[in-house]
C-alpha atoms as a PDB file:
ATOM      1  CA  MET A   1     -59.066 -19.004 -14.092  1.00  0.00           C
ATOM      2  CA  THR A   2     -55.470 -19.306 -15.220  1.00  0.00           C
ATOM      3  CA  ASP A   3     -52.499 -18.111 -13.190  1.00  0.00           C
ATOM      4  CA  HIS A   4     -49.557 -17.034 -15.322  1.00  0.00           C
ATOM      5  CA  GLY A   5     -45.932 -16.797 -14.313  1.00  0.00           C
ATOM      6  CA  ARG A   6     -44.098 -18.249 -11.402  1.00  0.00           C
ATOM      7  CA  ASP A   7     -45.607 -15.756  -8.938  1.00  0.00           C
ATOM      8  CA  GLY A   8     -48.247 -14.324 -11.237  1.00  0.00           C
ATOM      9  CA  SER A   9     -51.272 -14.551  -8.962  1.00  0.00           C
ATOM     10  CA  ASP A  10     -52.326 -12.659  -5.896  1.00  0.00           C
ATOM     11  CA  PRO A  11     -53.766 -15.032  -3.292  1.00  0.00           C
ATOM     12  CA  GLN A  12     -55.855 -12.157  -1.907  1.00  0.00           C
ATOM     13  CA  THR A  13     -57.751 -11.712  -5.185  1.00  0.00           C
ATOM     14  CA  ASP A  14     -58.030 -15.271  -6.504  1.00  0.00           C
ATOM     15  CA  THR A  15     -61.677 -16.175  -6.978  1.00  0.00           C
ATOM     16  CA  LEU A  16     -62.650 -19.437  -5.383  1.00  0.00           C
ATOM     17  CA  PRO A  17     -65.810 -20.736  -3.754  1.00  0.00           C
ATOM     18  CA  LYS A  18     -66.674 -18.631  -0.703  1.00  0.00           C
ATOM     19  CA  ALA A  19     -67.311 -20.024   2.782  1.00  0.00           C
ATOM     20  CA  ASN A  20     -70.999 -19.254   2.338  1.00  0.00           C
ATOM     21  CA  ASP A  21     -71.229 -21.220  -0.922  1.00  0.00           C
ATOM     22  CA  THR A  22     -74.205 -23.359   0.119  1.00  0.00           C
ATOM     23  CA  LYS A  23     -73.733 -25.936  -2.623  1.00  0.00           C
ATOM     24  CA  SER A  24     -70.249 -26.949  -1.438  1.00  0.00           C
ATOM     25  CA  GLN A  25     -71.327 -26.993   2.209  1.00  0.00           C
ATOM     26  CA  THR A  26     -74.538 -28.942   1.736  1.00  0.00           C
ATOM     27  CA  GLU A  27     -73.100 -31.497  -0.666  1.00  0.00           C
ATOM     28  CA  PRO A  28     -70.118 -33.264   0.908  1.00  0.00           C
ATOM     29  CA  ASP A  29     -69.420 -34.952  -2.436  1.00  0.00           C
ATOM     30  CA  ALA A  30     -69.422 -31.668  -4.375  1.00  0.00           C
ATOM     31  CA  ARG A  31     -67.746 -32.085  -7.729  1.00  0.00           C
ATOM     32  CA  PRO A  32     -64.079 -31.180  -7.969  1.00  0.00           C
ATOM     33  CA  LEU A  33     -63.273 -27.908  -9.682  1.00  0.00           C
ATOM     34  CA  LYS A  34     -60.468 -27.852 -12.237  1.00  0.00           C
ATOM     35  CA  ARG A  35     -58.064 -24.945 -12.389  1.00  0.00           C
ATOM     36  CA  SER A  36     -55.106 -24.326 -14.698  1.00  0.00           C
ATOM     37  CA  PHE A  37     -51.692 -23.013 -13.684  1.00  0.00           C
ATOM     38  CA  ARG A  38     -48.346 -22.371 -15.333  1.00  0.00           C
ATOM     39  CA  ILE A  39     -45.512 -23.655 -13.177  1.00  0.00           C
ATOM     40  CA  ASP A  40     -41.860 -23.830 -14.104  1.00  0.00           C
ATOM     41  CA  GLY A  41     -42.695 -22.969 -17.706  1.00  0.00           C
ATOM     42  CA  HIS A  42     -45.344 -25.610 -18.328  1.00  0.00           C
ATOM     43  CA  SER A  43     -49.119 -25.590 -18.119  1.00  0.00           C
ATOM     44  CA  THR A  44     -50.827 -27.973 -15.768  1.00  0.00           C
ATOM     45  CA  SER A  45     -54.187 -28.287 -14.110  1.00  0.00           C
ATOM     46  CA  ILE A  46     -55.435 -29.748 -10.877  1.00  0.00           C
ATOM     47  CA  SER A  47     -58.901 -30.749  -9.725  1.00  0.00           C
ATOM     48  CA  LEU A  48     -59.854 -30.208  -6.104  1.00  0.00           C
ATOM     49  CA  GLU A  49     -63.079 -30.154  -4.164  1.00  0.00           C
ATOM     50  CA  PRO A  50     -64.231 -26.656  -3.108  1.00  0.00           C
ATOM     51  CA  GLU A  51     -63.161 -27.267   0.496  1.00  0.00           C
ATOM     52  CA  PHE A  52     -59.592 -28.003  -0.599  1.00  0.00           C
ATOM     53  CA  TRP A  53     -59.533 -24.897  -2.822  1.00  0.00           C
ATOM     54  CA  ARG A  54     -60.392 -22.788   0.244  1.00  0.00           C
ATOM     55  CA  VAL A  55     -57.598 -24.369   2.292  1.00  0.00           C
ATOM     56  CA  PHE A  56     -55.171 -24.009  -0.631  1.00  0.00           C
ATOM     57  CA  ARG A  57     -55.943 -20.289  -0.985  1.00  0.00           C
ATOM     58  CA  ALA A  58     -55.670 -19.745   2.786  1.00  0.00           C
ATOM     59  CA  LEU A  59     -52.307 -21.495   2.957  1.00  0.00           C
ATOM     60  CA  ALA A  60     -50.988 -19.274   0.169  1.00  0.00           C
ATOM     61  CA  VAL A  61     -52.174 -16.199   2.100  1.00  0.00           C
ATOM     62  CA  VAL A  62     -50.640 -17.410   5.376  1.00  0.00           C
ATOM     63  CA  GLU A  63     -47.334 -18.237   3.686  1.00  0.00           C
ATOM     64  CA  LYS A  64     -47.409 -14.920   1.771  1.00  0.00           C
ATOM     65  CA  GLN A  65     -47.005 -16.461  -1.648  1.00  0.00           C
ATOM     66  CA  SER A  66     -49.119 -16.932  -4.721  1.00  0.00           C
ATOM     67  CA  MET A  67     -51.070 -20.102  -5.301  1.00  0.00           C
ATOM     68  CA  THR A  68     -48.836 -20.681  -8.337  1.00  0.00           C
ATOM     69  CA  ALA A  69     -45.683 -20.518  -6.191  1.00  0.00           C
ATOM     70  CA  LEU A  70     -47.204 -22.849  -3.587  1.00  0.00           C
ATOM     71  CA  LEU A  71     -48.254 -25.314  -6.290  1.00  0.00           C
ATOM     72  CA  GLY A  72     -44.742 -25.177  -7.777  1.00  0.00           C
ATOM     73  CA  ALA A  73     -43.219 -26.068  -4.387  1.00  0.00           C
ATOM     74  CA  ILE A  74     -45.621 -28.992  -3.982  1.00  0.00           C
ATOM     75  CA  ASP A  75     -44.891 -30.112  -7.559  1.00  0.00           C
ATOM     76  CA  ARG A  76     -41.131 -30.157  -6.941  1.00  0.00           C
ATOM     77  CA  GLU A  77     -41.516 -32.271  -3.782  1.00  0.00           C
ATOM     78  CA  ARG A  78     -44.195 -34.749  -4.875  1.00  0.00           C
ATOM     79  CA  GLY A  79     -42.115 -37.432  -6.552  1.00  0.00           C
ATOM     80  CA  ALA A  80     -44.316 -39.798  -8.591  1.00  0.00           C
ATOM     81  CA  GLN A  81     -47.532 -38.877  -6.774  1.00  0.00           C
ATOM     82  CA  ASN A  82     -50.432 -37.391  -8.759  1.00  0.00           C
ATOM     83  CA  LEU A  83     -50.307 -33.577  -8.415  1.00  0.00           C
ATOM     84  CA  SER A  84     -53.896 -33.170  -7.187  1.00  0.00           C
ATOM     85  CA  SER A  85     -53.299 -35.882  -4.581  1.00  0.00           C
ATOM     86  CA  ALA A  86     -50.006 -34.279  -3.570  1.00  0.00           C
ATOM     87  CA  VAL A  87     -51.822 -30.964  -3.033  1.00  0.00           C
ATOM     88  CA  ARG A  88     -54.446 -32.612  -0.811  1.00  0.00           C
ATOM     89  CA  VAL A  89     -51.740 -34.311   1.266  1.00  0.00           C
ATOM     90  CA  ALA A  90     -49.730 -31.071   1.551  1.00  0.00           C
ATOM     91  CA  LEU A  91     -52.836 -29.209   2.712  1.00  0.00           C
ATOM     92  CA  LEU A  92     -53.677 -31.886   5.270  1.00  0.00           C
ATOM     93  CA  ASN A  93     -50.102 -31.789   6.555  1.00  0.00           C
ATOM     94  CA  ALA A  94     -50.257 -27.987   6.859  1.00  0.00           C
ATOM     95  CA  VAL A  95     -53.368 -28.296   9.032  1.00  0.00           C
ATOM     96  CA  LEU A  96     -51.952 -31.155  11.121  1.00  0.00           C
ATOM     97  CA  GLU A  97     -48.654 -29.300  11.625  1.00  0.00           C
ATOM     98  CA  GLY A  98     -50.516 -26.166  12.762  1.00  0.00           C
ATOM     99  CA  ARG A  99     -49.242 -24.009   9.883  1.00  0.00           C
ATOM    100  CA  ILE A 100     -52.837 -23.011   9.104  1.00  0.00           C
ATOM    101  CA  SER A 101     -55.950 -22.804  11.266  1.00  0.00           C
ATOM    102  CA  ALA A 102     -59.689 -22.837  10.717  1.00  0.00           C
ATOM    103  CA  LEU A 103     -59.646 -19.082  11.361  1.00  0.00           C
ATOM    104  CA  ASP A 104     -57.081 -18.612   8.579  1.00  0.00           C
ATOM    105  CA  ILE A 105     -59.256 -20.619   6.208  1.00  0.00           C
ATOM    106  CA  GLU A 106     -62.379 -18.645   7.124  1.00  0.00           C
ATOM    107  CA  ALA A 107     -60.579 -15.297   6.780  1.00  0.00           C
ATOM    108  CA  ALA A 108     -59.172 -16.192   3.343  1.00  0.00           C
ATOM    109  CA  SER A 109     -62.582 -17.456   2.206  1.00  0.00           C
ATOM    110  CA  ASN A 110     -64.234 -14.150   3.016  1.00  0.00           C
ATOM    111  CA  HIS A 111     -61.928 -12.067   0.809  1.00  0.00           C
END
């Protein structure tokens, strides 16, 4: 799936692995899924494990922005860090800071 434009996606309708996706839940080392985005006028892609995709989508919903906009904000703040790694760290920080809860993640996964 490709998101176009700075705010071109709707976090409510993005298709990602669902909470009941048994493969991602039964295999802790599930293979990362690659997804392409267009941020700040350039195409890029990131690879994340299904669990991180669910948290990423939920954070976009909670913060009322598209996944593209959220990725753009992370991209601008990451410095020299790999973008996929920067996303994982940003998601972990969001959980640790209480900006997103397990209930938020479950609710976003069921849409």
